[in-house]
Amino acid sequence: MDDADLAQEREQAIITAALSARETSLKSPDGLCLWCRDEPIVANSAFCSADCGEDYSKHKREMKQRIE
Protein backbone atom coordinates (compact mmCIF):
# COMPACT_ATOMS: atom_id res chain seq x y z
CA MET A 1 0.00 0.00 0.00
CA ASP A 2 1.51 3.31 -1.06
CA ASP A 3 0.97 6.86 0.22
CA ALA A 4 -1.84 7.53 -2.25
CA ASP A 5 -3.79 4.50 -0.99
CA LEU A 6 -3.30 5.56 2.62
CA ALA A 7 -4.43 9.09 1.83
CA GLN A 8 -7.52 7.78 0.06
CA GLU A 9 -8.43 5.55 3.02
CA ARG A 10 -7.97 8.45 5.44
CA GLU A 11 -10.07 10.74 3.25
CA GLN A 12 -12.84 8.14 3.07
CA ALA A 13 -12.78 7.71 6.86
CA ILE A 14 -13.11 11.48 7.34
CA ILE A 15 -16.02 11.67 4.88
CA THR A 16 -17.78 8.74 6.55
CA ALA A 17 -17.37 10.31 10.00
CA ALA A 18 -18.68 13.66 8.79
CA LEU A 19 -21.72 12.09 7.13
CA SER A 20 -22.61 10.07 10.22
CA ALA A 21 -22.25 13.13 12.48
CA ARG A 22 -24.62 15.36 10.52
CA GLU A 23 -28.17 15.91 11.70
CA THR A 24 -30.95 14.18 9.88
CA SER A 25 -33.13 16.46 7.82
CA LEU A 26 -36.41 17.47 9.36
CA LYS A 27 -39.62 16.32 7.75
CA SER A 28 -43.18 17.28 8.48
CA PRO A 29 -45.36 14.18 8.77
CA ASP A 30 -48.57 16.04 7.91
CA GLY A 31 -47.36 18.83 5.62
CA LEU A 32 -47.77 21.54 8.26
CA CYS A 33 -45.00 23.76 9.60
CA LEU A 34 -43.13 22.06 12.46
CA TRP A 35 -42.91 25.31 14.41
CA CYS A 36 -46.21 27.20 14.08
CA ARG A 37 -48.35 24.20 13.03
CA ASP A 38 -50.69 26.60 11.18
CA GLU A 39 -49.38 26.88 7.64
CA PRO A 40 -48.43 24.35 4.97
CA ILE A 41 -44.70 23.84 4.47
CA VAL A 42 -42.61 25.26 1.66
CA ALA A 43 -41.29 22.64 -0.78
CA ASN A 44 -38.15 20.82 0.42
CA SER A 45 -38.53 22.25 3.91
CA ALA A 46 -40.22 21.48 7.22
CA PHE A 47 -41.35 25.06 7.80
CA CYS A 48 -43.73 27.54 6.24
CA SER A 49 -41.17 30.37 6.23
CA ALA A 50 -37.56 31.20 6.99
CA ASP A 51 -38.72 32.93 10.18
CA CYS A 52 -40.31 29.74 11.51
CA GLY A 53 -37.19 27.77 10.63
CA GLU A 54 -34.98 30.27 12.45
CA ASP A 55 -37.27 30.31 15.50
CA TYR A 56 -37.22 26.51 15.61
CA SER A 57 -33.41 26.41 15.37
CA LYS A 58 -33.05 29.07 18.06
CA HIS A 59 -35.38 27.14 20.36
CA LYS A 60 -33.45 23.89 19.81
CA ARG A 61 -30.13 25.64 20.60
CA GLU A 62 -31.58 27.17 23.78
CA MET A 63 -32.95 23.82 24.92
CA LYS A 64 -29.61 22.14 24.26
CA GLN A 65 -27.78 24.79 26.32
CA ARG A 66 -30.18 24.30 29.24
CA ILE A 67 -29.49 20.58 29.28
CA GLU A 68 -25.70 20.96 29.23
PDB file of N, CA and C in Angstrom:
ATOM      1  N   MET A   1       0.844  -1.170   0.000  1.00  0.00           N
ATOM      2  CA  MET A   1       0.000   0.000   0.000  1.00  0.00           C
ATOM      3  C   MET A   1       0.896   1.241   0.000  1.00  0.00           C
ATOM      4  N   ASP A   2       0.679   2.113  -0.969  1.00  0.00           N
ATOM      5  CA  ASP A   2       1.513   3.314  -1.056  1.00  0.00           C
ATOM      6  C   ASP A   2       0.823   4.515  -0.392  1.00  0.00           C
ATOM      7  N   ASP A   3       1.484   5.654  -0.440  1.00  0.00           N
ATOM      8  CA  ASP A   3       0.974   6.857   0.218  1.00  0.00           C
ATOM      9  C   ASP A   3      -0.377   7.297  -0.341  1.00  0.00           C
ATOM     10  N   ALA A   4      -0.570   7.134  -1.637  1.00  0.00           N
ATOM     11  CA  ALA A   4      -1.840   7.532  -2.246  1.00  0.00           C
ATOM     12  C   ALA A   4      -2.989   6.682  -1.706  1.00  0.00           C
ATOM     13  N   ASP A   5      -2.758   5.379  -1.546  1.00  0.00           N
ATOM     14  CA  ASP A   5      -3.787   4.499  -0.993  1.00  0.00           C
ATOM     15  C   ASP A   5      -4.110   4.871   0.450  1.00  0.00           C
ATOM     16  N   LEU A   6      -3.090   5.161   1.229  1.00  0.00           N
ATOM     17  CA  LEU A   6      -3.298   5.559   2.623  1.00  0.00           C
ATOM     18  C   LEU A   6      -4.074   6.875   2.712  1.00  0.00           C
ATOM     19  N   ALA A   7      -3.734   7.810   1.846  1.00  0.00           N
ATOM     20  CA  ALA A   7      -4.433   9.094   1.831  1.00  0.00           C
ATOM     21  C   ALA A   7      -5.895   8.909   1.444  1.00  0.00           C
ATOM     22  N   GLN A   8      -6.145   8.035   0.482  1.00  0.00           N
ATOM     23  CA  GLN A   8      -7.518   7.778   0.056  1.00  0.00           C
ATOM     24  C   GLN A   8      -8.322   7.129   1.182  1.00  0.00           C
ATOM     25  N   GLU A   9      -7.737   6.186   1.894  1.00  0.00           N
ATOM     26  CA  GLU A   9      -8.425   5.549   3.017  1.00  0.00           C
ATOM     27  C   GLU A   9      -8.725   6.561   4.114  1.00  0.00           C
ATOM     28  N   ARG A  10      -7.761   7.421   4.400  1.00  0.00           N
ATOM     29  CA  ARG A  10      -7.966   8.445   5.435  1.00  0.00           C
ATOM     30  C   ARG A  10      -9.065   9.415   5.019  1.00  0.00           C
ATOM     31  N   GLU A  11      -9.043   9.828   3.753  1.00  0.00           N
ATOM     32  CA  GLU A  11     -10.068  10.736   3.248  1.00  0.00           C
ATOM     33  C   GLU A  11     -11.448  10.098   3.358  1.00  0.00           C
ATOM     34  N   GLN A  12     -11.558   8.838   2.994  1.00  0.00           N
ATOM     35  CA  GLN A  12     -12.842   8.141   3.069  1.00  0.00           C
ATOM     36  C   GLN A  12     -13.317   8.030   4.514  1.00  0.00           C
ATOM     37  N   ALA A  13     -12.411   7.788   5.446  1.00  0.00           N
ATOM     38  CA  ALA A  13     -12.781   7.708   6.863  1.00  0.00           C
ATOM     39  C   ALA A  13     -13.299   9.055   7.367  1.00  0.00           C
ATOM     40  N   ILE A  14     -12.673  10.140   6.938  1.00  0.00           N
ATOM     41  CA  ILE A  14     -13.110  11.479   7.338  1.00  0.00           C
ATOM     42  C   ILE A  14     -14.497  11.776   6.773  1.00  0.00           C
ATOM     43  N   ILE A  15     -14.718  11.442   5.516  1.00  0.00           N
ATOM     44  CA  ILE A  15     -16.021  11.670   4.882  1.00  0.00           C
ATOM     45  C   ILE A  15     -17.099  10.855   5.583  1.00  0.00           C
ATOM     46  N   THR A  16     -16.810   9.599   5.876  1.00  0.00           N
ATOM     47  CA  THR A  16     -17.779   8.737   6.554  1.00  0.00           C
ATOM     48  C   THR A  16     -18.124   9.287   7.934  1.00  0.00           C
ATOM     49  N   ALA A  17     -17.126   9.741   8.671  1.00  0.00           N
ATOM     50  CA  ALA A  17     -17.366  10.309  10.000  1.00  0.00           C
ATOM     51  C   ALA A  17     -18.209  11.579   9.910  1.00  0.00           C
ATOM     52  N   ALA A  18     -17.926  12.418   8.941  1.00  0.00           N
ATOM     53  CA  ALA A  18     -18.684  13.658   8.788  1.00  0.00           C
ATOM     54  C   ALA A  18     -20.133  13.376   8.414  1.00  0.00           C
ATOM     55  N   LEU A  19     -20.351  12.424   7.531  1.00  0.00           N
ATOM     56  CA  LEU A  19     -21.715  12.088   7.133  1.00  0.00           C
ATOM     57  C   LEU A  19     -22.512  11.492   8.283  1.00  0.00           C
ATOM     58  N   SER A  20     -21.883  10.685   9.107  1.00  0.00           N
ATOM     59  CA  SER A  20     -22.609  10.074  10.216  1.00  0.00           C
ATOM     60  C   SER A  20     -22.864  11.068  11.345  1.00  0.00           C
ATOM     61  N   ALA A  21     -22.089  12.143  11.419  1.00  0.00           N
ATOM     62  CA  ALA A  21     -22.254  13.134  12.481  1.00  0.00           C
ATOM     63  C   ALA A  21     -23.295  14.200  12.144  1.00  0.00           C
ATOM     64  N   ARG A  22     -23.673  14.308  10.891  1.00  0.00           N
ATOM     65  CA  ARG A  22     -24.622  15.359  10.523  1.00  0.00           C
ATOM     66  C   ARG A  22     -26.019  15.034  11.035  1.00  0.00           C
ATOM     67  N   GLU A  23     -26.807  16.082  11.239  1.00  0.00           N
ATOM     68  CA  GLU A  23     -28.174  15.907  11.700  1.00  0.00           C
ATOM     69  C   GLU A  23     -29.035  15.417  10.544  1.00  0.00           C
ATOM     70  N   THR A  24     -30.024  14.627  10.899  1.00  0.00           N
ATOM     71  CA  THR A  24     -30.951  14.180   9.875  1.00  0.00           C
ATOM     72  C   THR A  24     -31.849  15.348   9.482  1.00  0.00           C
ATOM     73  N   SER A  25     -32.279  15.364   8.259  1.00  0.00           N
ATOM     74  CA  SER A  25     -33.127  16.462   7.816  1.00  0.00           C
ATOM     75  C   SER A  25     -34.513  16.324   8.439  1.00  0.00           C
ATOM     76  N   LEU A  26     -35.087  17.456   8.757  1.00  0.00           N
ATOM     77  CA  LEU A  26     -36.409  17.474   9.363  1.00  0.00           C
ATOM     78  C   LEU A  26     -37.466  17.261   8.299  1.00  0.00           C
ATOM     79  N   LYS A  27     -38.512  16.547   8.661  1.00  0.00           N
ATOM     80  CA  LYS A  27     -39.624  16.322   7.747  1.00  0.00           C
ATOM     81  C   LYS A  27     -40.922  16.491   8.511  1.00  0.00           C
ATOM     82  N   SER A  28     -41.866  17.103   7.873  1.00  0.00           N
ATOM     83  CA  SER A  28     -43.181  17.284   8.476  1.00  0.00           C
ATOM     84  C   SER A  28     -44.047  16.087   8.104  1.00  0.00           C
ATOM     85  N   PRO A  29     -44.565  15.365   9.086  1.00  0.00           N
ATOM     86  CA  PRO A  29     -45.361  14.179   8.775  1.00  0.00           C
ATOM     87  C   PRO A  29     -46.720  14.500   8.153  1.00  0.00           C
ATOM     88  N   ASP A  30     -47.236  15.703   8.408  1.00  0.00           N
ATOM     89  CA  ASP A  30     -48.570  16.039   7.911  1.00  0.00           C
ATOM     90  C   ASP A  30     -48.595  17.228   6.951  1.00  0.00           C
ATOM     91  N   GLY A  31     -47.424  17.725   6.573  1.00  0.00           N
ATOM     92  CA  GLY A  31     -47.361  18.826   5.623  1.00  0.00           C
ATOM     93  C   GLY A  31     -47.552  20.197   6.240  1.00  0.00           C
ATOM     94  N   LEU A  32     -47.647  20.262   7.577  1.00  0.00           N
ATOM     95  CA  LEU A  32     -47.770  21.544   8.261  1.00  0.00           C
ATOM     96  C   LEU A  32     -46.438  21.931   8.881  1.00  0.00           C
ATOM     97  N   CYS A  33     -46.233  23.215   9.030  1.00  0.00           N
ATOM     98  CA  CYS A  33     -45.002  23.760   9.604  1.00  0.00           C
ATOM     99  C   CYS A  33     -44.721  23.124  10.961  1.00  0.00           C
ATOM    100  N   LEU A  34     -43.490  22.683  11.182  1.00  0.00           N
ATOM    101  CA  LEU A  34     -43.127  22.056  12.456  1.00  0.00           C
ATOM    102  C   LEU A  34     -43.127  23.047  13.611  1.00  0.00           C
ATOM    103  N   TRP A  35     -42.976  24.332  13.330  1.00  0.00           N
ATOM    104  CA  TRP A  35     -42.909  25.314  14.410  1.00  0.00           C
ATOM    105  C   TRP A  35     -44.285  25.900  14.734  1.00  0.00           C
ATOM    106  N   CYS A  36     -44.941  26.526  13.778  1.00  0.00           N
ATOM    107  CA  CYS A  36     -46.212  27.197  14.080  1.00  0.00           C
ATOM    108  C   CYS A  36     -47.421  26.269  13.966  1.00  0.00           C
ATOM    109  N   ARG A  37     -47.301  25.199  13.215  1.00  0.00           N
ATOM    110  CA  ARG A  37     -48.352  24.196  13.031  1.00  0.00           C
ATOM    111  C   ARG A  37     -49.616  24.752  12.376  1.00  0.00           C
ATOM    112  N   ASP A  38     -49.523  25.964  11.789  1.00  0.00           N
ATOM    113  CA  ASP A  38     -50.695  26.597  11.183  1.00  0.00           C
ATOM    114  C   ASP A  38     -50.682  26.578   9.661  1.00  0.00           C
ATOM    115  N   GLU A  39     -49.511  26.689   9.084  1.00  0.00           N
ATOM    116  CA  GLU A  39     -49.377  26.880   7.642  1.00  0.00           C
ATOM    117  C   GLU A  39     -48.765  25.654   6.976  1.00  0.00           C
ATOM    118  N   PRO A  40     -49.089  25.430   5.701  1.00  0.00           N
ATOM    119  CA  PRO A  40     -48.430  24.346   4.965  1.00  0.00           C
ATOM    120  C   PRO A  40     -46.955  24.680   4.735  1.00  0.00           C
ATOM    121  N   ILE A  41     -46.149  23.647   4.622  1.00  0.00           N
ATOM    122  CA  ILE A  41     -44.705  23.835   4.469  1.00  0.00           C
ATOM    123  C   ILE A  41     -44.341  24.279   3.058  1.00  0.00           C
ATOM    124  N   VAL A  42     -43.189  24.908   2.950  1.00  0.00           N
ATOM    125  CA  VAL A  42     -42.605  25.262   1.661  1.00  0.00           C
ATOM    126  C   VAL A  42     -41.923  24.004   1.125  1.00  0.00           C
ATOM    127  N   ALA A  43     -41.908  23.824  -0.177  1.00  0.00           N
ATOM    128  CA  ALA A  43     -41.293  22.639  -0.782  1.00  0.00           C
ATOM    129  C   ALA A  43     -39.862  22.448  -0.295  1.00  0.00           C
ATOM    130  N   ASN A  44     -39.491  21.200  -0.047  1.00  0.00           N
ATOM    131  CA  ASN A  44     -38.150  20.818   0.416  1.00  0.00           C
ATOM    132  C   ASN A  44     -37.782  21.465   1.747  1.00  0.00           C
ATOM    133  N   SER A  45     -38.752  21.645   2.608  1.00  0.00           N
ATOM    134  CA  SER A  45     -38.526  22.251   3.912  1.00  0.00           C
ATOM    135  C   SER A  45     -39.479  21.609   4.909  1.00  0.00           C
ATOM    136  N   ALA A  46     -39.304  21.942   6.178  1.00  0.00           N
ATOM    137  CA  ALA A  46     -40.222  21.475   7.216  1.00  0.00           C
ATOM    138  C   ALA A  46     -40.955  22.658   7.834  1.00  0.00           C
ATOM    139  N   PHE A  47     -40.778  23.838   7.238  1.00  0.00           N
ATOM    140  CA  PHE A  47     -41.346  25.057   7.799  1.00  0.00           C
ATOM    141  C   PHE A  47     -42.079  25.848   6.724  1.00  0.00           C
ATOM    142  N   CYS A  48     -42.969  26.730   7.179  1.00  0.00           N
ATOM    143  CA  CYS A  48     -43.734  27.545   6.238  1.00  0.00           C
ATOM    144  C   CYS A  48     -42.961  28.782   5.789  1.00  0.00           C
ATOM    145  N   SER A  49     -41.949  29.175   6.569  1.00  0.00           N
ATOM    146  CA  SER A  49     -41.167  30.368   6.227  1.00  0.00           C
ATOM    147  C   SER A  49     -39.782  30.274   6.852  1.00  0.00           C
ATOM    148  N   ALA A  50     -38.908  31.150   6.409  1.00  0.00           N
ATOM    149  CA  ALA A  50     -37.562  31.199   6.990  1.00  0.00           C
ATOM    150  C   ALA A  50     -37.633  31.614   8.455  1.00  0.00           C
ATOM    151  N   ASP A  51     -38.575  32.495   8.791  1.00  0.00           N
ATOM    152  CA  ASP A  51     -38.720  32.931  10.183  1.00  0.00           C
ATOM    153  C   ASP A  51     -39.046  31.762  11.104  1.00  0.00           C
ATOM    154  N   CYS A  52     -39.962  30.906  10.692  1.00  0.00           N
ATOM    155  CA  CYS A  52     -40.306  29.745  11.515  1.00  0.00           C
ATOM    156  C   CYS A  52     -39.108  28.803  11.644  1.00  0.00           C
ATOM    157  N   GLY A  53     -38.378  28.612  10.575  1.00  0.00           N
ATOM    158  CA  GLY A  53     -37.189  27.765  10.627  1.00  0.00           C
ATOM    159  C   GLY A  53     -36.144  28.319  11.578  1.00  0.00           C
ATOM    160  N   GLU A  54     -35.944  29.639  11.547  1.00  0.00           N
ATOM    161  CA  GLU A  54     -34.978  30.275  12.447  1.00  0.00           C
ATOM    162  C   GLU A  54     -35.440  30.191  13.897  1.00  0.00           C
ATOM    163  N   ASP A  55     -36.737  30.409  14.133  1.00  0.00           N
ATOM    164  CA  ASP A  55     -37.271  30.311  15.497  1.00  0.00           C
ATOM    165  C   ASP A  55     -37.110  28.899  16.040  1.00  0.00           C
ATOM    166  N   TYR A  56     -37.371  27.912  15.198  1.00  0.00           N
ATOM    167  CA  TYR A  56     -37.223  26.514  15.609  1.00  0.00           C
ATOM    168  C   TYR A  56     -35.765  26.211  15.963  1.00  0.00           C
ATOM    169  N   SER A  57     -34.841  26.643  15.120  1.00  0.00           N
ATOM    170  CA  SER A  57     -33.414  26.407  15.369  1.00  0.00           C
ATOM    171  C   SER A  57     -32.955  27.100  16.644  1.00  0.00           C
ATOM    172  N   LYS A  58     -33.407  28.324  16.848  1.00  0.00           N
ATOM    173  CA  LYS A  58     -33.048  29.065  18.060  1.00  0.00           C
ATOM    174  C   LYS A  58     -33.567  28.339  19.300  1.00  0.00           C
ATOM    175  N   HIS A  59     -34.793  27.875  19.236  1.00  0.00           N
ATOM    176  CA  HIS A  59     -35.381  27.141  20.365  1.00  0.00           C
ATOM    177  C   HIS A  59     -34.587  25.869  20.657  1.00  0.00           C
ATOM    178  N   LYS A  60     -34.225  25.130  19.622  1.00  0.00           N
ATOM    179  CA  LYS A  60     -33.450  23.893  19.809  1.00  0.00           C
ATOM    180  C   LYS A  60     -32.098  24.187  20.455  1.00  0.00           C
ATOM    181  N   ARG A  61     -31.413  25.260  20.008  1.00  0.00           N
ATOM    182  CA  ARG A  61     -30.128  25.643  20.604  1.00  0.00           C
ATOM    183  C   ARG A  61     -30.292  26.007  22.078  1.00  0.00           C
ATOM    184  N   GLU A  62     -31.337  26.775  22.391  1.00  0.00           N
ATOM    185  CA  GLU A  62     -31.575  27.172  23.778  1.00  0.00           C
ATOM    186  C   GLU A  62     -31.858  25.960  24.655  1.00  0.00           C
ATOM    187  N   MET A  63     -32.642  25.026  24.154  1.00  0.00           N
ATOM    188  CA  MET A  63     -32.954  23.821  24.924  1.00  0.00           C
ATOM    189  C   MET A  63     -31.697  22.983  25.138  1.00  0.00           C
ATOM    190  N   LYS A  64     -30.848  22.910  24.139  1.00  0.00           N
ATOM    191  CA  LYS A  64     -29.606  22.142  24.264  1.00  0.00           C
ATOM    192  C   LYS A  64     -28.691  22.773  25.311  1.00  0.00           C
ATOM    193  N   GLN A  65     -28.626  24.099  25.342  1.00  0.00           N
ATOM    194  CA  GLN A  65     -27.783  24.791  26.319  1.00  0.00           C
ATOM    195  C   GLN A  65     -28.303  24.598  27.738  1.00  0.00           C
ATOM    196  N   ARG A  66     -29.601  24.516  27.912  1.00  0.00           N
ATOM    197  CA  ARG A  66     -30.177  24.304  29.241  1.00  0.00           C
ATOM    198  C   ARG A  66     -29.841  22.926  29.775  1.00  0.00           C
ATOM    199  N   ILE A  67     -29.779  21.956  28.882  1.00  0.00           N
ATOM    200  CA  ILE A  67     -29.494  20.576  29.283  1.00  0.00           C
ATOM    201  C   ILE A  67     -28.032  20.432  29.680  1.00  0.00           C
ATOM    202  N   GLU A  68     -27.141  21.110  28.989  1.00  0.00           N
ATOM    203  CA  GLU A  68     -25.702  20.964  29.231  1.00  0.00           C
ATOM    204  C   GLU A  68     -25.259  21.631  30.462  1.00  0.00           C
TER     205      GLU A  68
END
